[in-house]
Protein backbone atom coordinates (compact mmCIF):
# COMPACT_ATOMS: atom_id res chain seq x y z
CA MET A 1 65.36 153.75 81.47
CA SER A 2 64.90 157.18 83.12
CA ILE A 3 66.87 160.29 82.32
CA ALA A 4 68.46 160.29 85.86
CA SER A 5 69.72 156.72 85.59
CA ARG A 6 71.18 157.49 82.20
CA ALA A 7 72.94 160.34 83.61
CA LEU A 8 74.35 158.38 86.37
CA ARG A 9 75.47 155.73 84.01
CA LEU A 10 77.09 158.29 81.82
CA ARG A 11 78.75 160.01 84.76
CA SER A 12 80.16 156.61 86.03
CA ALA A 13 81.42 155.68 82.56
CA LEU A 14 83.13 159.05 82.09
CA SER A 15 84.87 159.01 85.53
CA THR A 16 86.19 155.46 84.85
CA PHE A 17 87.24 156.39 81.37
CA SER A 18 89.10 159.39 82.51
CA CYS A 19 91.03 157.40 85.24
CA ARG A 20 92.04 154.78 82.89
CA ALA A 21 93.16 157.33 80.30
CA LEU A 22 95.37 158.91 82.95
CA ILE A 23 96.84 155.61 84.10
CA SER A 24 97.64 154.52 80.54
CA ALA A 25 98.71 157.89 79.24
CA PRO A 26 102.51 158.05 78.23
CA ARG A 27 104.63 160.15 80.27
CA TYR A 28 106.05 163.30 78.81
CA SER A 29 109.73 163.27 78.05
CA PRO A 30 111.11 166.22 76.18
CA PRO A 31 113.08 165.46 73.21
CA VAL A 32 116.90 166.02 73.25
CA THR A 33 117.31 169.04 71.13
CA LEU A 34 120.17 171.14 69.95
CA THR A 35 119.13 173.93 72.47
CA THR A 36 119.30 171.07 75.25
CA LEU A 37 122.73 169.96 74.04
CA ARG A 38 123.98 173.64 73.96
CA LYS A 39 122.86 174.26 77.55
CA MET A 40 124.63 171.09 78.66
CA SER A 41 127.76 172.27 76.76
CA ASP A 42 127.51 175.61 78.54
CA ILE A 43 128.58 174.02 82.11
CA THR A 44 132.05 174.94 82.59
CA PRO A 45 134.47 173.80 85.38
CA ILE A 46 136.45 176.73 86.94
CA THR A 47 139.91 176.53 88.40
CA ALA A 48 141.51 179.49 89.86
CA LYS A 49 145.31 179.74 89.90
CA ASP A 50 145.00 182.45 92.69
CA ALA A 51 143.02 180.37 95.13
CA ALA A 52 143.97 177.50 97.27
CA PRO A 53 144.01 174.24 95.30
CA PRO A 54 141.00 171.89 95.68
CA ALA A 55 141.22 169.63 98.57
CA GLY A 56 139.58 166.83 96.71
CA PRO A 57 138.27 165.74 93.33
CA TYR A 58 136.14 168.61 92.51
CA SER A 59 136.32 172.06 90.71
CA HIS A 60 136.58 175.47 92.32
CA ALA A 61 133.39 176.47 90.76
CA ILE A 62 130.83 175.41 87.90
CA LYS A 63 129.96 178.12 85.53
CA THR A 64 126.49 177.98 83.69
CA PRO A 65 124.82 180.64 81.60
CA THR A 66 122.76 181.89 84.51
CA ALA A 67 124.95 181.22 87.60
CA ILE A 68 128.33 180.39 89.06
CA TYR A 69 128.33 177.76 91.94
CA CYS A 70 131.51 178.04 94.05
CA SER A 71 132.69 175.10 96.01
CA GLY A 72 133.45 175.86 99.73
CA GLN A 73 136.58 177.51 100.51
CA ILE A 74 138.62 176.92 103.82
CA PRO A 75 141.17 179.39 105.12
CA CYS A 76 144.24 178.42 102.92
CA ASP A 77 146.64 180.53 100.97
CA SER A 78 147.14 180.04 97.11
CA GLN A 79 149.67 177.06 97.96
CA GLY A 80 147.21 175.29 100.22
CA ASN A 81 148.85 176.11 103.40
CA LEU A 82 146.34 176.63 106.28
CA VAL A 83 145.99 180.27 107.50
CA GLU A 84 146.48 180.61 111.31
CA GLY A 85 145.03 183.41 113.35
CA THR A 86 141.77 184.74 114.42
CA ILE A 87 138.48 183.77 113.04
CA GLY A 88 138.41 187.08 111.18
CA GLU A 89 141.63 186.44 109.42
CA LYS A 90 140.39 182.81 108.56
CA THR A 91 137.04 184.23 107.33
CA ALA A 92 139.05 186.74 105.19
CA ALA A 93 141.30 183.97 103.60
CA CYS A 94 138.03 181.95 102.64
CA ILE A 95 136.41 185.03 101.12
CA GLY A 96 139.56 186.02 99.43
CA ASN A 97 139.74 182.57 97.83
CA LEU A 98 136.13 182.92 96.74
CA LYS A 99 136.95 186.34 95.30
CA ALA A 100 139.86 184.66 93.26
CA VAL A 101 137.44 181.86 91.99
CA LEU A 102 134.63 184.41 91.00
CA ILE A 103 137.32 186.59 89.04
CA ALA A 104 138.45 183.37 87.31
CA ALA A 105 134.96 182.68 86.24
CA GLY A 106 134.40 186.22 84.87
CA SER A 107 132.40 187.34 87.80
CA SER A 108 132.97 189.39 90.99
CA ILE A 109 132.33 189.50 94.83
CA GLU A 110 129.66 192.06 94.02
CA LYS A 111 127.47 189.58 92.09
CA VAL A 112 127.19 187.19 94.83
CA VAL A 113 123.45 186.35 95.48
CA LYS A 114 123.83 183.45 98.12
CA VAL A 115 126.35 182.67 100.70
CA ASN A 116 126.61 179.57 103.01
CA ILE A 117 128.86 179.56 105.98
CA PHE A 118 129.83 176.62 108.00
CA LEU A 119 131.49 177.30 111.49
CA ALA A 120 132.99 174.59 113.91
CA ASP A 121 131.83 176.78 116.62
CA MET A 122 128.93 179.20 116.72
CA SER A 123 130.61 181.30 119.28
CA SER A 124 132.73 182.65 116.53
CA PHE A 125 129.65 184.05 114.88
CA ALA A 126 130.04 187.65 115.93
CA ASP A 127 133.84 187.83 114.96
CA MET A 128 133.24 186.00 111.67
CA ASN A 129 130.46 188.67 110.97
CA LYS A 130 132.81 191.49 111.56
CA GLU A 131 135.11 190.36 108.74
CA TYR A 132 132.23 189.31 106.41
CA GLU A 133 130.68 192.80 106.55
CA LYS A 134 133.79 194.36 105.03
CA TRP A 135 133.71 191.96 101.92
CA PHE A 136 129.88 191.61 101.25
CA THR A 137 128.65 195.19 101.27
CA THR A 138 125.59 194.21 98.95
CA LYS A 139 124.25 191.78 101.64
CA PRO A 140 123.46 188.75 99.61
CA ALA A 141 121.22 186.01 101.00
CA ARG A 142 122.92 183.83 103.56
CA SER A 143 122.91 180.74 105.81
CA CYS A 144 125.35 180.17 108.71
CA VAL A 145 125.44 176.80 110.57
CA ALA A 146 127.51 175.20 113.07
CA VAL A 147 128.93 171.83 112.13
CA LYS A 148 130.80 169.07 113.89
CA THR A 149 133.88 169.08 111.82
CA LEU A 150 135.19 170.47 108.71
CA PRO A 151 137.97 169.48 106.21
CA LYS A 152 141.46 169.72 107.63
CA ASN A 153 139.78 170.56 110.94
CA VAL A 154 139.44 174.19 109.99
CA ASP A 155 137.18 176.52 112.01
CA VAL A 156 135.21 178.07 109.02
CA GLU A 157 134.23 177.18 105.42
CA ILE A 158 132.34 179.44 102.92
CA GLU A 159 130.74 178.72 99.73
CA CYS A 160 128.59 180.96 97.33
CA ILE A 161 126.53 181.25 94.38
CA ALA A 162 126.98 184.38 92.01
CA LEU A 163 125.85 185.80 88.77
CA PRO A 164 128.13 185.61 85.72
């Protein structure tokens, strides 16, 4: 048998072996450790007394060691009554609720890194922005989208992510 044919056989055997080894190799699953359990226990639901009560079965926010994830806030007062008025006044009510949630979580509006805004009518965008600029001077990352409807048929809903 020539050296060339031996090399081809060896190459073929190695490629077949490596494919079989990959297919039959066990999948990696990290062990559940004390560190993993500690991280899971660091997930804290937040309820703010100064914000509108949640409109469903959810928390105002979830606090983790690295971030605070705030649920969307609609324009309600702290008793849950809808705020009437301009889109600016409704935006202020939403952000005021977010501020109360962030304070309850031990953070602040200045530590917000991402904002998502949902508008029932995109023609309200400019007026919403005028009010928004008063609250978020640090200019966090942001998305703003128009949606068909929002809970309680409101015009605006705002959610955010902040640092602890």
